[in-house]
Amino acid sequence: METDQGVELVVDQEKDAEIERRQADTQEEIYNIDLDHSSKVLSMQEDT
């Protein structure tokens, strides 16, 4: 029974690590979108 719990714990840790990687990737994508938007707004202000 203890061996099964250890295996489940390892699987849970792997799932948690995968979720954290996906969240970091998503946050990075959101940040890049916002960064692009601010660059466009600044370039529009310079044109006028």
PDB file of N, CA and C in Angstrom:
ATOM      1  N   MET A   1       0.815  -1.183   0.000  1.00  0.00           N
ATOM      2  CA  MET A   1       0.000   0.000   0.000  1.00  0.00           C
ATOM      3  C   MET A   1       0.867   1.259   0.000  1.00  0.00           C
ATOM      4  N   GLU A   2       1.955   1.279   0.745  1.00  0.00           N
ATOM      5  CA  GLU A   2       2.819   2.450   0.792  1.00  0.00           C
ATOM      6  C   GLU A   2       3.472   2.723  -0.557  1.00  0.00           C
ATOM      7  N   THR A   3       3.791   1.682  -1.294  1.00  0.00           N
ATOM      8  CA  THR A   3       4.400   1.850  -2.608  1.00  0.00           C
ATOM      9  C   THR A   3       3.439   2.567  -3.544  1.00  0.00           C
ATOM     10  N   ASP A   4       2.170   2.209  -3.500  1.00  0.00           N
ATOM     11  CA  ASP A   4       1.165   2.870  -4.330  1.00  0.00           C
ATOM     12  C   ASP A   4       1.054   4.347  -3.981  1.00  0.00           C
ATOM     13  N   GLN A   5       1.121   4.666  -2.713  1.00  0.00           N
ATOM     14  CA  GLN A   5       1.047   6.058  -2.289  1.00  0.00           C
ATOM     15  C   GLN A   5       2.254   6.833  -2.791  1.00  0.00           C
ATOM     16  N   GLY A   6       3.415   6.222  -2.775  1.00  0.00           N
ATOM     17  CA  GLY A   6       4.618   6.872  -3.283  1.00  0.00           C
ATOM     18  C   GLY A   6       4.523   7.130  -4.769  1.00  0.00           C
ATOM     19  N   VAL A   7       3.987   6.169  -5.497  1.00  0.00           N
ATOM     20  CA  VAL A   7       3.809   6.334  -6.942  1.00  0.00           C
ATOM     21  C   VAL A   7       2.809   7.444  -7.221  1.00  0.00           C
ATOM     22  N   GLU A   8       1.714   7.460  -6.468  1.00  0.00           N
ATOM     23  CA  GLU A   8       0.711   8.506  -6.639  1.00  0.00           C
ATOM     24  C   GLU A   8       1.306   9.873  -6.338  1.00  0.00           C
ATOM     25  N   LEU A   9       2.142   9.960  -5.325  1.00  0.00           N
ATOM     26  CA  LEU A   9       2.776  11.215  -4.963  1.00  0.00           C
ATOM     27  C   LEU A   9       3.671  11.707  -6.090  1.00  0.00           C
ATOM     28  N   VAL A  10       4.450  10.827  -6.682  1.00  0.00           N
ATOM     29  CA  VAL A  10       5.328  11.203  -7.790  1.00  0.00           C
ATOM     30  C   VAL A  10       4.499  11.672  -8.977  1.00  0.00           C
ATOM     31  N   VAL A  11       3.432  10.953  -9.288  1.00  0.00           N
ATOM     32  CA  VAL A  11       2.553  11.337 -10.398  1.00  0.00           C
ATOM     33  C   VAL A  11       1.939  12.703 -10.129  1.00  0.00           C
ATOM     34  N   ASP A  12       1.484  12.943  -8.906  1.00  0.00           N
ATOM     35  CA  ASP A  12       0.913  14.240  -8.551  1.00  0.00           C
ATOM     36  C   ASP A  12       1.946  15.349  -8.700  1.00  0.00           C
ATOM     37  N   GLN A  13       3.179  15.101  -8.288  1.00  0.00           N
ATOM     38  CA  GLN A  13       4.232  16.104  -8.416  1.00  0.00           C
ATOM     39  C   GLN A  13       4.514  16.407  -9.880  1.00  0.00           C
ATOM     40  N   GLU A  14       4.504  15.382 -10.721  1.00  0.00           N
ATOM     41  CA  GLU A  14       4.727  15.588 -12.149  1.00  0.00           C
ATOM     42  C   GLU A  14       3.589  16.398 -12.760  1.00  0.00           C
ATOM     43  N   LYS A  15       2.358  16.095 -12.356  1.00  0.00           N
ATOM     44  CA  LYS A  15       1.206  16.858 -12.853  1.00  0.00           C
ATOM     45  C   LYS A  15       1.293  18.305 -12.400  1.00  0.00           C
ATOM     46  N   ASP A  16       1.649  18.527 -11.139  1.00  0.00           N
ATOM     47  CA  ASP A  16       1.785  19.883 -10.617  1.00  0.00           C
ATOM     48  C   ASP A  16       2.856  20.656 -11.379  1.00  0.00           C
ATOM     49  N   ALA A  17       3.973  20.012 -11.669  1.00  0.00           N
ATOM     50  CA  ALA A  17       5.052  20.667 -12.409  1.00  0.00           C
ATOM     51  C   ALA A  17       4.585  21.027 -13.817  1.00  0.00           C
ATOM     52  N   GLU A  18       3.834  20.148 -14.455  1.00  0.00           N
ATOM     53  CA  GLU A  18       3.309  20.417 -15.799  1.00  0.00           C
ATOM     54  C   GLU A  18       2.331  21.589 -15.774  1.00  0.00           C
ATOM     55  N   ILE A  19       1.481  21.630 -14.773  1.00  0.00           N
ATOM     56  CA  ILE A  19       0.528  22.737 -14.638  1.00  0.00           C
ATOM     57  C   ILE A  19       1.276  24.048 -14.438  1.00  0.00           C
ATOM     58  N   GLU A  20       2.305  24.043 -13.600  1.00  0.00           N
ATOM     59  CA  GLU A  20       3.089  25.255 -13.370  1.00  0.00           C
ATOM     60  C   GLU A  20       3.776  25.713 -14.647  1.00  0.00           C
ATOM     61  N   ARG A  21       4.291  24.773 -15.455  1.00  0.00           N
ATOM     62  CA  ARG A  21       4.921  25.143 -16.728  1.00  0.00           C
ATOM     63  C   ARG A  21       3.899  25.767 -17.667  1.00  0.00           C
ATOM     64  N   ARG A  22       2.707  25.186 -17.731  1.00  0.00           N
ATOM     65  CA  ARG A  22       1.668  25.734 -18.608  1.00  0.00           C
ATOM     66  C   ARG A  22       1.248  27.117 -18.145  1.00  0.00           C
ATOM     67  N   GLN A  23       1.130  27.319 -16.839  1.00  0.00           N
ATOM     68  CA  GLN A  23       0.753  28.632 -16.320  1.00  0.00           C
ATOM     69  C   GLN A  23       1.832  29.659 -16.633  1.00  0.00           C
ATOM     70  N   ALA A  24       3.086  29.279 -16.500  1.00  0.00           N
ATOM     71  CA  ALA A  24       4.182  30.189 -16.819  1.00  0.00           C
ATOM     72  C   ALA A  24       4.167  30.536 -18.300  1.00  0.00           C
ATOM     73  N   ASP A  25       3.921  29.555 -19.162  1.00  0.00           N
ATOM     74  CA  ASP A  25       3.844  29.818 -20.600  1.00  0.00           C
ATOM     75  C   ASP A  25       2.696  30.768 -20.918  1.00  0.00           C
ATOM     76  N   THR A  26       1.563  30.557 -20.281  1.00  0.00           N
ATOM     77  CA  THR A  26       0.403  31.413 -20.514  1.00  0.00           C
ATOM     78  C   THR A  26       0.686  32.830 -20.047  1.00  0.00           C
ATOM     79  N   GLN A  27       1.291  32.972 -18.892  1.00  0.00           N
ATOM     80  CA  GLN A  27       1.617  34.301 -18.390  1.00  0.00           C
ATOM     81  C   GLN A  27       2.613  34.994 -19.305  1.00  0.00           C
ATOM     82  N   GLU A  28       3.547  34.243 -19.847  1.00  0.00           N
ATOM     83  CA  GLU A  28       4.520  34.811 -20.766  1.00  0.00           C
ATOM     84  C   GLU A  28       3.828  35.306 -22.029  1.00  0.00           C
ATOM     85  N   GLU A  29       2.890  34.526 -22.555  1.00  0.00           N
ATOM     86  CA  GLU A  29       2.153  34.938 -23.742  1.00  0.00           C
ATOM     87  C   GLU A  29       1.351  36.204 -23.470  1.00  0.00           C
ATOM     88  N   ILE A  30       0.700  36.277 -22.326  1.00  0.00           N
ATOM     89  CA  ILE A  30      -0.083  37.462 -21.977  1.00  0.00           C
ATOM     90  C   ILE A  30       0.834  38.674 -21.878  1.00  0.00           C
ATOM     91  N   TYR A  31       1.970  38.515 -21.248  1.00  0.00           N
ATOM     92  CA  TYR A  31       2.909  39.624 -21.106  1.00  0.00           C
ATOM     93  C   TYR A  31       3.382  40.104 -22.467  1.00  0.00           C
ATOM     94  N   ASN A  32       3.694  39.191 -23.377  1.00  0.00           N
ATOM     95  CA  ASN A  32       4.152  39.579 -24.706  1.00  0.00           C
ATOM     96  C   ASN A  32       3.064  40.309 -25.475  1.00  0.00           C
ATOM     97  N   ILE A  33       1.821  39.889 -25.340  1.00  0.00           N
ATOM     98  CA  ILE A  33       0.721  40.581 -26.004  1.00  0.00           C
ATOM     99  C   ILE A  33       0.621  42.007 -25.476  1.00  0.00           C
ATOM    100  N   ASP A  34       0.664  42.181 -24.164  1.00  0.00           N
ATOM    101  CA  ASP A  34       0.594  43.512 -23.578  1.00  0.00           C
ATOM    102  C   ASP A  34       1.783  44.354 -24.011  1.00  0.00           C
ATOM    103  N   LEU A  35       2.942  43.766 -24.086  1.00  0.00           N
ATOM    104  CA  LEU A  35       4.134  44.487 -24.501  1.00  0.00           C
ATOM    105  C   LEU A  35       3.985  44.973 -25.937  1.00  0.00           C
ATOM    106  N   ASP A  36       3.468  44.148 -26.819  1.00  0.00           N
ATOM    107  CA  ASP A  36       3.242  44.554 -28.199  1.00  0.00           C
ATOM    108  C   ASP A  36       2.236  45.692 -28.271  1.00  0.00           C
ATOM    109  N   HIS A  37       1.190  45.613 -27.489  1.00  0.00           N
ATOM    110  CA  HIS A  37       0.155  46.643 -27.511  1.00  0.00           C
ATOM    111  C   HIS A  37       0.722  48.000 -27.104  1.00  0.00           C
ATOM    112  N   SER A  38       1.496  48.031 -26.046  1.00  0.00           N
ATOM    113  CA  SER A  38       2.047  49.311 -25.593  1.00  0.00           C
ATOM    114  C   SER A  38       3.008  49.888 -26.624  1.00  0.00           C
ATOM    115  N   SER A  39       3.736  49.055 -27.332  1.00  0.00           N
ATOM    116  CA  SER A  39       4.634  49.536 -28.382  1.00  0.00           C
ATOM    117  C   SER A  39       3.842  50.166 -29.515  1.00  0.00           C
ATOM    118  N   LYS A  40       2.730  49.561 -29.873  1.00  0.00           N
ATOM    119  CA  LYS A  40       1.888  50.109 -30.940  1.00  0.00           C
ATOM    120  C   LYS A  40       1.290  51.443 -30.521  1.00  0.00           C
ATOM    121  N   VAL A  41       0.822  51.537 -29.301  1.00  0.00           N
ATOM    122  CA  VAL A  41       0.228  52.782 -28.821  1.00  0.00           C
ATOM    123  C   VAL A  41       1.276  53.883 -28.816  1.00  0.00           C
ATOM    124  N   LEU A  42       2.468  53.581 -28.347  1.00  0.00           N
ATOM    125  CA  LEU A  42       3.526  54.585 -28.318  1.00  0.00           C
ATOM    126  C   LEU A  42       3.902  55.029 -29.724  1.00  0.00           C
ATOM    127  N   SER A  43       3.950  54.108 -30.677  1.00  0.00           N
ATOM    128  CA  SER A  43       4.308  54.487 -32.044  1.00  0.00           C
ATOM    129  C   SER A  43       3.205  55.336 -32.665  1.00  0.00           C
ATOM    130  N   MET A  44       1.949  55.107 -32.314  1.00  0.00           N
ATOM    131  CA  MET A  44       0.851  55.928 -32.830  1.00  0.00           C
ATOM    132  C   MET A  44       0.946  57.342 -32.265  1.00  0.00           C
ATOM    133  N   GLN A  45       1.341  57.482 -31.031  1.00  0.00           N
ATOM    134  CA  GLN A  45       1.459  58.802 -30.418  1.00  0.00           C
ATOM    135  C   GLN A  45       2.595  59.592 -31.054  1.00  0.00           C
ATOM    136  N   GLU A  46       3.650  58.934 -31.458  1.00  0.00           N
ATOM    137  CA  GLU A  46       4.782  59.609 -32.088  1.00  0.00           C
ATOM    138  C   GLU A  46       4.435  60.113 -33.482  1.00  0.00           C
ATOM    139  N   ASP A  47       3.517  59.440 -34.181  1.00  0.00           N
ATOM    140  CA  ASP A  47       3.136  59.820 -35.537  1.00  0.00           C
ATOM    141  C   ASP A  47       2.316  61.097 -35.571  1.00  0.00           C
ATOM    142  N   THR A  48       1.622  61.429 -34.503  1.00  0.00           N
ATOM    143  CA  THR A  48       0.742  62.602 -34.525  1.00  0.00           C
ATOM    144  C   THR A  48       1.443  63.846 -34.087  1.00  0.00           C
TER     145      THR A  48
END
